[in-house]
Amino acid sequence: VNANGRLLDNFSFDAIEYRTADLEITISQIDFSWALRSLLDDTLHIRKLHIGTLNITTASAEDTESKPATLTLPEAVNLPMQIQLGEIIIDELQFESNGTQIPLRNIKLVAATAAGSEQEQSLSIQQLQLAGNEFEFSTAGSLGLGGQWPIDLQTNYTLQLAEQPEITGQAQIAGNTSLLTLAINLQQPAIASINLELRNPLESLTWHGEVQVDALDLSPYGIADQQLGVDLTGNGDLKAFDVTAEINLSGTQNLEFDITLMLARGERDWQLQQFNLHEKVNDVLLDLQGLVLLEAETNAPRVDLSGNFKLTQPLAADGEIIIAGALTDYSARINARLHERMPSVWDLSINGNNNSIEIKQLHGQLIENDIASGEISLHGQADWQGELPTFDLNGHWNNVAY
């Protein structure tokens, strides 16, 4: 360590290193300025602490069982004196743990403690800012240091993901350990808001949330001339929740639909209480209800869904649909009724996986009309796991007439 200056007011270090078996901290270039006389007034006044580079590396923990963290707060933080932080500046901070690196830069903190009600202290944050490779963040507000730990922070943020439009907005977090509210407003690439209420966040957490997105332009995401709107409401706790969502896609392309979704989640299953899709261009309606289960060993989803559909283009038709199983092993049955051109009733039953499909039965009953009448049946299978797909289909017709 190379140091110069006076401990009474200003001093600096060229570098500091600290190492243990599982922690390494290296600091380059520290400039420190403080007001020693302020200690006579029971105040620690740090005028400026400027760190050039701070590297923190933790060793990977081996043979330790991962357990969920439990967050507890002390009743209060009782500081022996007031603290006034003029400027805390870190040009670059690099945190590394288990091979994961988190680089931060341009960190600045200006804050001070103050006595609050019933002599509880609080931290007044006049400025806290930092930046990473993909984001910038600044906040100001206050944080109580005891009791119900009240908090009130206002934040501005910018997020820039690779090959995505820049996201900017504001956020506010306010409340205490009984009720915490988070409000996030998005300014671009769309006007959006997220409002979240957390009740008893440290004990038996329950939450209520609302999300609204107005006319998100999907062109930057590869979907030209389309806009997305979302209105979502949810409630829940750490084990289960229910969500109601209305989704609208509209634009100049030949695609426009509304979706209404009601979903409830248990510990191992999802109950699809309602899924209603209205594709407006071709006037297609689809309603589904049922369960989505997570397999115990793989967490792979399995479904048990049923519903009905209706369409007017390219043919007027309606019917029922049943889907059960997983992507690797599923079955489906579709009953359909065609009403125009060639009125008929069709029944399709299939089994499949991610490599092949078996058509157990495709049966069509042509209702006698001016075009055709009779019955058509088909069965067989298709396989696409080789270089070229293969088909083996067999069928017959009975009393088909034109």
Protein backbone atom coordinates (compact mmCIF):
# COMPACT_ATOMS: atom_id res chain seq x y z
CA VAL A 1 0.00 0.00 0.00
CA ASN A 2 1.35 3.39 -1.01
CA ALA A 3 -0.30 6.28 0.86
CA ASN A 4 0.15 10.01 1.07
CA GLY A 5 -1.65 12.97 2.62
CA ARG A 6 -2.88 13.66 6.15
CA LEU A 7 -5.37 11.60 8.15
CA LEU A 8 -6.71 14.86 9.57
CA ASP A 9 -8.39 15.88 6.29
CA ASN A 10 -7.18 14.41 2.97
CA PHE A 11 -5.24 11.29 2.04
CA SER A 12 -4.94 8.80 -0.79
CA PHE A 13 -3.83 5.24 -1.53
CA ASP A 14 -2.45 3.84 -4.76
CA ALA A 15 -3.80 0.35 -4.17
CA ILE A 16 -5.27 -1.91 -1.49
CA GLU A 17 -5.54 -5.71 -1.62
CA TYR A 18 -7.45 -7.98 0.73
CA ARG A 19 -7.56 -11.78 0.37
CA THR A 20 -9.11 -14.66 2.28
CA ALA A 21 -9.80 -18.27 1.31
CA ASP A 22 -13.07 -17.37 -0.43
CA LEU A 23 -12.87 -13.60 -0.98
CA GLU A 24 -10.56 -11.27 -2.86
CA ILE A 25 -10.88 -7.48 -2.95
CA THR A 26 -8.55 -5.20 -4.87
CA ILE A 27 -8.86 -1.43 -4.99
CA SER A 28 -6.84 0.95 -7.13
CA GLN A 29 -6.52 4.65 -6.45
CA ILE A 30 -8.43 5.87 -3.41
CA ASP A 31 -8.85 9.56 -2.64
CA PHE A 32 -10.44 10.35 0.71
CA SER A 33 -11.47 13.70 2.18
CA TRP A 34 -13.32 14.21 5.44
CA ALA A 35 -14.05 16.82 8.14
CA LEU A 36 -12.47 15.58 11.35
CA ARG A 37 -13.91 18.47 13.39
CA SER A 38 -17.46 17.24 12.61
CA LEU A 39 -16.90 14.38 15.07
CA LEU A 40 -17.21 16.95 17.84
CA ASP A 41 -20.82 17.43 16.70
CA ASP A 42 -21.46 13.64 16.66
CA THR A 43 -21.33 13.65 12.86
CA LEU A 44 -19.09 11.70 10.51
CA HIS A 45 -18.77 13.98 7.49
CA ILE A 46 -17.07 12.40 4.48
CA ARG A 47 -16.62 15.11 1.94
CA LYS A 48 -15.44 12.78 -0.82
CA LEU A 49 -14.43 9.18 -1.36
CA HIS A 50 -13.22 8.50 -4.90
CA ILE A 51 -12.28 4.94 -5.93
CA GLY A 52 -10.83 4.28 -9.36
CA THR A 53 -11.38 0.54 -9.70
CA LEU A 54 -12.93 -1.92 -7.23
CA ASN A 55 -12.75 -5.65 -7.95
CA ILE A 56 -14.59 -8.16 -5.76
CA THR A 57 -14.19 -11.90 -6.40
CA THR A 58 -15.83 -14.64 -4.36
CA ALA A 59 -14.80 -18.27 -4.63
CA SER A 60 -17.38 -20.81 -5.81
CA ALA A 61 -19.07 -22.67 -2.99
CA GLU A 62 -18.62 -26.43 -3.43
CA ASP A 63 -20.66 -29.20 -1.91
CA THR A 64 -23.09 -26.79 -0.32
CA GLU A 65 -26.80 -27.41 -0.54
CA SER A 66 -28.71 -24.53 -2.07
CA LYS A 67 -31.38 -23.31 0.29
CA PRO A 68 -33.88 -20.51 -0.24
CA ALA A 69 -32.73 -17.31 1.39
CA THR A 70 -34.81 -15.85 4.20
CA LEU A 71 -34.75 -12.08 4.46
CA THR A 72 -34.94 -10.66 7.96
CA LEU A 73 -34.42 -7.09 9.09
CA PRO A 74 -33.29 -5.92 12.51
CA GLU A 75 -35.66 -3.84 14.58
CA ALA A 76 -33.48 -0.80 13.97
CA VAL A 77 -30.02 0.34 12.97
CA ASN A 78 -28.80 2.55 15.78
CA LEU A 79 -25.84 4.56 14.56
CA PRO A 80 -23.69 6.21 17.22
CA MET A 81 -23.59 9.44 15.21
CA GLN A 82 -25.03 11.10 12.15
CA ILE A 83 -23.38 10.36 8.81
CA GLN A 84 -23.05 12.79 5.95
CA LEU A 85 -21.72 11.48 2.64
CA GLY A 86 -20.72 14.32 0.35
CA GLU A 87 -19.70 12.22 -2.68
CA ILE A 88 -18.96 8.52 -2.90
CA ILE A 89 -17.67 7.81 -6.41
CA ILE A 90 -16.54 4.49 -7.93
CA ASP A 91 -15.40 4.73 -11.54
CA GLU A 92 -15.47 0.97 -12.18
CA LEU A 93 -16.70 -1.96 -10.09
CA GLN A 94 -16.24 -5.58 -11.14
CA PHE A 95 -18.02 -8.28 -9.14
CA GLU A 96 -17.30 -11.94 -9.97
CA SER A 97 -18.82 -15.05 -8.42
CA ASN A 98 -18.92 -18.63 -9.74
CA GLY A 99 -17.57 -17.47 -13.10
CA THR A 100 -20.27 -14.82 -13.51
CA GLN A 101 -19.05 -11.25 -13.93
CA ILE A 102 -21.12 -8.15 -13.19
CA PRO A 103 -19.41 -4.97 -14.40
CA LEU A 104 -20.67 -1.60 -13.13
CA ARG A 105 -19.38 1.92 -13.72
CA ASN A 106 -20.00 5.57 -12.92
CA ILE A 107 -21.29 4.84 -9.42
CA LYS A 108 -22.09 7.92 -7.35
CA LEU A 109 -23.77 8.29 -3.95
CA VAL A 110 -24.67 11.47 -2.08
CA ALA A 111 -26.57 10.78 1.15
CA ALA A 112 -26.97 11.64 4.82
CA THR A 113 -28.66 10.21 7.89
CA ALA A 114 -31.28 12.15 9.84
CA ALA A 115 -33.27 11.67 13.02
CA GLY A 116 -36.90 10.79 12.33
CA SER A 117 -40.02 10.25 14.41
CA GLU A 118 -39.45 8.65 17.82
CA GLN A 119 -35.70 9.11 17.27
CA GLU A 120 -35.64 6.52 14.49
CA GLN A 121 -32.96 7.32 11.99
CA SER A 122 -33.39 7.46 8.25
CA LEU A 123 -31.10 7.66 5.25
CA SER A 124 -31.75 10.52 2.85
CA ILE A 125 -30.43 9.62 -0.60
CA GLN A 126 -29.90 12.78 -2.57
CA GLN A 127 -28.34 10.95 -5.50
CA LEU A 128 -27.53 7.34 -6.31
CA GLN A 129 -26.52 6.49 -9.83
CA LEU A 130 -24.80 3.59 -11.56
CA ALA A 131 -24.47 2.07 -15.01
CA GLY A 132 -23.77 -1.33 -16.53
CA ASN A 133 -23.20 -2.69 -20.00
CA GLU A 134 -26.91 -2.59 -20.82
CA PHE A 135 -28.47 -0.12 -18.36
CA GLU A 136 -28.25 3.22 -16.58
CA PHE A 137 -29.98 3.92 -13.30
CA SER A 138 -30.41 6.91 -10.97
CA THR A 139 -32.53 7.29 -7.85
CA ALA A 140 -33.26 9.61 -4.95
CA GLY A 141 -35.44 9.44 -1.86
CA SER A 142 -35.40 8.17 1.69
CA LEU A 143 -35.02 4.90 3.58
CA GLY A 144 -35.98 4.39 7.22
CA LEU A 145 -33.47 2.51 9.36
CA GLY A 146 -35.86 0.83 11.76
CA GLY A 147 -39.43 0.18 12.80
CA GLN A 148 -41.37 -0.73 9.67
CA TRP A 149 -38.43 0.40 7.51
CA PRO A 150 -40.33 3.00 5.44
CA ILE A 151 -39.02 3.61 1.94
CA ASP A 152 -39.75 6.20 -0.73
CA LEU A 153 -37.52 6.20 -3.82
CA GLN A 154 -37.95 7.74 -7.27
CA THR A 155 -35.92 6.27 -10.10
CA ASN A 156 -35.07 6.98 -13.73
CA TYR A 157 -33.76 4.11 -15.85
CA THR A 158 -32.52 3.30 -19.34
CA LEU A 159 -32.18 -0.24 -20.67
CA GLN A 160 -30.43 -1.08 -23.94
CA LEU A 161 -30.53 -4.76 -24.92
CA ALA A 162 -28.64 -6.09 -27.92
CA GLU A 163 -30.44 -5.43 -31.22
CA GLN A 164 -33.48 -4.08 -29.36
CA PRO A 165 -34.89 -0.54 -29.11
CA GLU A 166 -33.88 1.52 -26.09
CA ILE A 167 -36.20 1.31 -23.09
CA THR A 168 -36.57 4.36 -20.85
CA GLY A 169 -38.89 5.25 -18.01
CA GLN A 170 -39.39 6.04 -14.33
CA ALA A 171 -40.17 3.95 -11.27
CA GLN A 172 -41.26 4.64 -7.71
CA ILE A 173 -41.09 2.31 -4.74
CA ALA A 174 -42.85 3.34 -1.56
CA GLY A 175 -44.24 1.80 1.62
CA ASN A 176 -42.88 -0.31 4.46
CA THR A 177 -42.60 -3.90 5.63
CA SER A 178 -46.41 -4.20 5.80
CA LEU A 179 -47.26 -2.80 2.37
CA LEU A 180 -44.85 -2.05 -0.44
CA THR A 181 -45.94 -0.51 -3.75
CA LEU A 182 -43.94 -0.44 -6.96
CA ALA A 183 -44.99 1.73 -9.90
CA ILE A 184 -43.04 1.50 -13.17
CA ASN A 185 -43.81 3.77 -16.10
CA LEU A 186 -42.38 3.11 -19.54
CA GLN A 187 -41.91 6.00 -21.96
CA GLN A 188 -40.40 4.18 -24.92
CA PRO A 189 -40.63 2.07 -27.05
CA ALA A 190 -44.26 2.17 -25.85
CA ILE A 191 -46.42 3.85 -23.24
CA ALA A 192 -46.77 1.22 -20.51
CA SER A 193 -47.25 0.94 -16.76
CA ILE A 194 -46.68 -1.75 -14.15
CA ASN A 195 -48.23 -1.37 -10.69
CA LEU A 196 -47.44 -3.93 -7.99
CA GLU A 197 -48.57 -4.15 -4.36
CA LEU A 198 -46.70 -6.44 -1.95
CA ARG A 199 -48.34 -7.15 1.41
CA ASN A 200 -46.22 -8.53 4.27
CA PRO A 201 -43.21 -9.05 1.95
CA LEU A 202 -40.99 -10.43 4.76
CA GLU A 203 -43.51 -12.88 6.24
CA SER A 204 -46.54 -14.21 4.34
CA LEU A 205 -46.24 -12.41 1.02
CA THR A 206 -49.34 -11.73 -1.04
CA TRP A 207 -49.38 -9.53 -4.12
CA HIS A 208 -51.61 -7.73 -6.59
CA GLY A 209 -50.35 -6.48 -9.92
CA GLU A 210 -51.58 -4.62 -12.99
CA VAL A 211 -49.85 -4.22 -16.36
CA GLN A 212 -51.01 -1.97 -19.18
CA VAL A 213 -49.31 -1.59 -22.57
CA ASP A 214 -50.69 0.85 -25.14
CA ALA A 215 -49.89 0.28 -28.82
CA LEU A 216 -46.40 -1.27 -28.66
CA ASP A 217 -44.87 -1.09 -32.16
CA LEU A 218 -43.64 -4.61 -33.02
CA SER A 219 -41.55 -3.59 -36.05
CA PRO A 220 -38.24 -3.67 -34.10
CA TYR A 221 -39.06 -7.26 -33.14
CA GLY A 222 -39.50 -8.50 -36.72
CA ILE A 223 -43.28 -8.05 -36.99
CA ALA A 224 -43.86 -5.13 -39.32
CA ASP A 225 -46.88 -2.81 -39.19
CA GLN A 226 -48.35 -4.40 -36.06
CA GLN A 227 -49.15 -2.95 -32.65
CA LEU A 228 -49.64 -4.83 -29.39
CA GLY A 229 -51.87 -3.82 -26.49
CA VAL A 230 -51.98 -5.62 -23.13
CA ASP A 231 -54.21 -5.21 -20.07
CA LEU A 232 -53.28 -7.68 -17.32
CA THR A 233 -54.36 -8.10 -13.70
CA GLY A 234 -53.01 -10.67 -11.25
CA ASN A 235 -53.14 -11.74 -7.59
CA GLY A 236 -51.22 -14.36 -5.68
CA ASP A 237 -48.61 -15.41 -3.15
CA LEU A 238 -45.38 -17.41 -3.30
CA LYS A 239 -47.16 -20.66 -4.22
CA ALA A 240 -50.15 -19.77 -6.39
CA PHE A 241 -51.59 -16.95 -8.44
CA ASP A 242 -54.36 -16.09 -10.86
CA VAL A 243 -54.03 -13.83 -13.88
CA THR A 244 -56.58 -12.23 -16.19
CA ALA A 245 -55.23 -10.75 -19.42
CA GLU A 246 -56.64 -9.05 -22.47
CA ILE A 247 -54.27 -8.92 -25.45
CA ASN A 248 -54.90 -7.08 -28.70
CA LEU A 249 -52.85 -7.25 -31.89
CA SER A 250 -53.77 -4.85 -34.67
CA GLY A 251 -52.22 -3.24 -37.72
CA THR A 252 -52.15 -3.08 -41.48
CA GLN A 253 -51.13 -6.70 -42.08
CA ASN A 254 -53.61 -9.52 -42.59
CA LEU A 255 -53.50 -10.35 -38.89
CA GLU A 256 -55.57 -8.90 -36.07
CA PHE A 257 -56.83 -10.63 -32.95
CA ASP A 258 -57.98 -10.26 -29.34
CA ILE A 259 -57.11 -12.73 -26.57
CA THR A 260 -58.79 -13.02 -23.17
CA LEU A 261 -56.92 -15.23 -20.70
CA MET A 262 -57.79 -16.35 -17.17
CA LEU A 263 -55.09 -18.47 -15.55
CA ALA A 264 -54.65 -19.79 -12.00
CA ARG A 265 -51.44 -21.48 -10.82
CA GLY A 266 -51.09 -24.00 -8.01
CA GLU A 267 -47.89 -25.59 -6.70
CA ARG A 268 -47.63 -28.13 -9.55
CA ASP A 269 -50.35 -27.22 -12.00
CA TRP A 270 -51.85 -24.37 -13.97
CA GLN A 271 -55.60 -24.13 -14.39
CA LEU A 272 -56.62 -22.52 -17.66
CA GLN A 273 -59.99 -21.15 -16.64
CA GLN A 274 -60.55 -19.32 -19.90
CA PHE A 275 -58.69 -18.83 -23.16
CA ASN A 276 -60.67 -16.94 -25.75
CA LEU A 277 -59.10 -15.96 -29.08
CA HIS A 278 -60.86 -13.89 -31.72
CA GLU A 279 -58.93 -13.60 -34.98
CA LYS A 280 -60.73 -10.72 -36.64
CA VAL A 281 -59.58 -10.91 -40.26
CA ASN A 282 -60.95 -14.40 -40.87
CA ASP A 283 -63.43 -14.19 -37.96
CA VAL A 284 -61.98 -17.19 -36.10
CA LEU A 285 -63.10 -17.90 -32.52
CA LEU A 286 -61.33 -20.35 -30.18
CA ASP A 287 -62.29 -21.12 -26.56
CA LEU A 288 -60.24 -23.47 -24.35
CA GLN A 289 -60.36 -24.60 -20.71
CA GLY A 290 -58.42 -27.20 -18.75
CA LEU A 291 -55.20 -27.94 -16.88
CA VAL A 292 -51.48 -27.60 -17.53
CA LEU A 293 -49.47 -29.93 -15.27
CA LEU A 294 -45.72 -29.92 -14.57
CA GLU A 295 -44.12 -33.37 -14.44
CA ALA A 296 -42.34 -33.99 -11.12
CA GLU A 297 -38.96 -35.11 -12.53
CA THR A 298 -38.53 -32.94 -15.63
CA ASN A 299 -40.93 -30.02 -15.04
CA ALA A 300 -42.08 -30.63 -18.63
CA PRO A 301 -45.64 -29.42 -19.16
CA ARG A 302 -48.54 -31.78 -19.84
CA VAL A 303 -51.93 -30.44 -20.86
CA ASP A 304 -55.51 -31.59 -20.59
CA LEU A 305 -57.50 -29.03 -22.54
CA SER A 306 -60.87 -28.95 -24.22
CA GLY A 307 -62.86 -26.30 -26.02
CA ASN A 308 -64.64 -25.25 -29.17
CA PHE A 309 -63.96 -23.19 -32.27
CA LYS A 310 -65.82 -21.30 -34.95
CA LEU A 311 -64.71 -19.70 -38.22
CA THR A 312 -66.24 -18.08 -41.27
CA GLN A 313 -63.20 -18.03 -43.61
CA PRO A 314 -62.19 -19.80 -45.80
CA LEU A 315 -65.19 -22.04 -44.93
CA ALA A 316 -67.96 -21.54 -42.40
CA ALA A 317 -67.34 -24.18 -39.73
CA ASP A 318 -67.53 -24.91 -36.01
CA GLY A 319 -66.61 -27.77 -33.72
CA GLU A 320 -64.95 -29.10 -30.60
CA ILE A 321 -61.31 -29.86 -29.75
CA ILE A 322 -59.64 -32.01 -27.04
CA ILE A 323 -55.86 -32.03 -26.45
CA ALA A 324 -54.07 -34.16 -23.84
CA GLY A 325 -50.45 -35.08 -23.10
CA ALA A 326 -47.00 -33.57 -23.67
CA LEU A 327 -45.03 -32.67 -26.77
CA THR A 328 -43.32 -36.07 -26.61
CA ASP A 329 -46.57 -37.99 -26.18
CA TYR A 330 -49.91 -36.40 -26.97
CA SER A 331 -53.36 -37.12 -28.31
CA ALA A 332 -55.97 -34.88 -29.87
CA ARG A 333 -59.50 -35.15 -31.17
CA ILE A 334 -61.28 -32.63 -33.35
CA ASN A 335 -64.91 -32.70 -34.34
CA ALA A 336 -65.80 -30.22 -37.08
CA ARG A 337 -68.92 -29.28 -38.98
CA LEU A 338 -68.68 -27.51 -42.34
CA HIS A 339 -71.72 -25.48 -43.33
CA GLU A 340 -70.99 -24.11 -46.80
CA ARG A 341 -69.97 -25.37 -50.26
CA MET A 342 -69.69 -28.97 -49.08
CA PRO A 343 -71.71 -29.42 -45.85
CA SER A 344 -70.18 -32.27 -43.86
CA VAL A 345 -69.26 -33.60 -40.41
CA TRP A 346 -65.64 -34.61 -39.69
CA ASP A 347 -64.06 -36.52 -36.81
CA LEU A 348 -60.24 -36.58 -36.46
CA SER A 349 -58.32 -38.56 -33.80
CA ILE A 350 -54.51 -38.47 -33.65
CA ASN A 351 -51.63 -39.56 -31.43
CA GLY A 352 -48.19 -38.05 -31.79
CA ASN A 353 -44.80 -37.04 -30.47
CA ASN A 354 -42.08 -34.68 -31.62
CA ASN A 355 -40.99 -37.11 -34.39
CA SER A 356 -44.18 -38.61 -35.80
CA ILE A 357 -47.95 -38.54 -35.85
CA GLU A 358 -50.51 -41.35 -36.09
CA ILE A 359 -53.86 -40.63 -37.66
CA LYS A 360 -56.04 -43.09 -35.83
CA GLN A 361 -59.13 -41.98 -37.67
CA LEU A 362 -60.29 -39.29 -40.01
CA HIS A 363 -63.93 -39.83 -40.79
CA GLY A 364 -66.04 -37.51 -42.86
CA GLN A 365 -69.77 -37.70 -43.46
CA LEU A 366 -70.76 -35.66 -46.50
CA ILE A 367 -74.26 -34.35 -46.04
CA GLU A 368 -76.27 -34.83 -49.19
CA ASN A 369 -76.30 -31.66 -51.27
CA ASP A 370 -75.92 -30.44 -54.84
CA ILE A 371 -72.12 -31.10 -54.82
CA ALA A 372 -71.45 -34.47 -53.14
CA SER A 373 -72.62 -37.03 -50.61
CA GLY A 374 -71.24 -40.16 -48.92
CA GLU A 375 -68.54 -41.13 -46.39
CA ILE A 376 -64.74 -40.82 -46.39
CA SER A 377 -62.36 -42.57 -43.94
CA LEU A 378 -58.58 -42.32 -43.60
CA HIS A 379 -55.92 -43.69 -41.23
CA GLY A 380 -52.14 -43.98 -41.22
CA GLN A 381 -49.03 -42.23 -39.98
CA ALA A 382 -46.36 -39.68 -40.87
CA ASP A 383 -42.73 -39.63 -39.70
CA TRP A 384 -40.25 -36.74 -40.08
CA GLN A 385 -37.25 -37.83 -38.00
CA GLY A 386 -35.27 -38.88 -41.10
CA GLU A 387 -33.80 -36.69 -43.82
CA LEU A 388 -37.10 -36.83 -45.70
CA PRO A 389 -40.56 -37.19 -44.17
CA THR A 390 -42.38 -40.47 -44.83
CA PHE A 391 -46.10 -41.14 -45.09
CA ASP A 392 -48.22 -44.29 -44.89
CA LEU A 393 -51.89 -43.48 -45.38
CA ASN A 394 -54.83 -45.72 -46.12
CA GLY A 395 -58.42 -44.79 -46.74
CA HIS A 396 -61.71 -45.65 -48.40
CA TRP A 397 -64.92 -43.98 -49.37
CA ASN A 398 -68.45 -45.24 -49.41
CA ASN A 399 -71.36 -44.04 -51.53
CA VAL A 400 -69.52 -40.91 -52.56
CA ALA A 401 -71.40 -39.20 -55.33
CA TYR A 402 -70.93 -35.92 -57.15
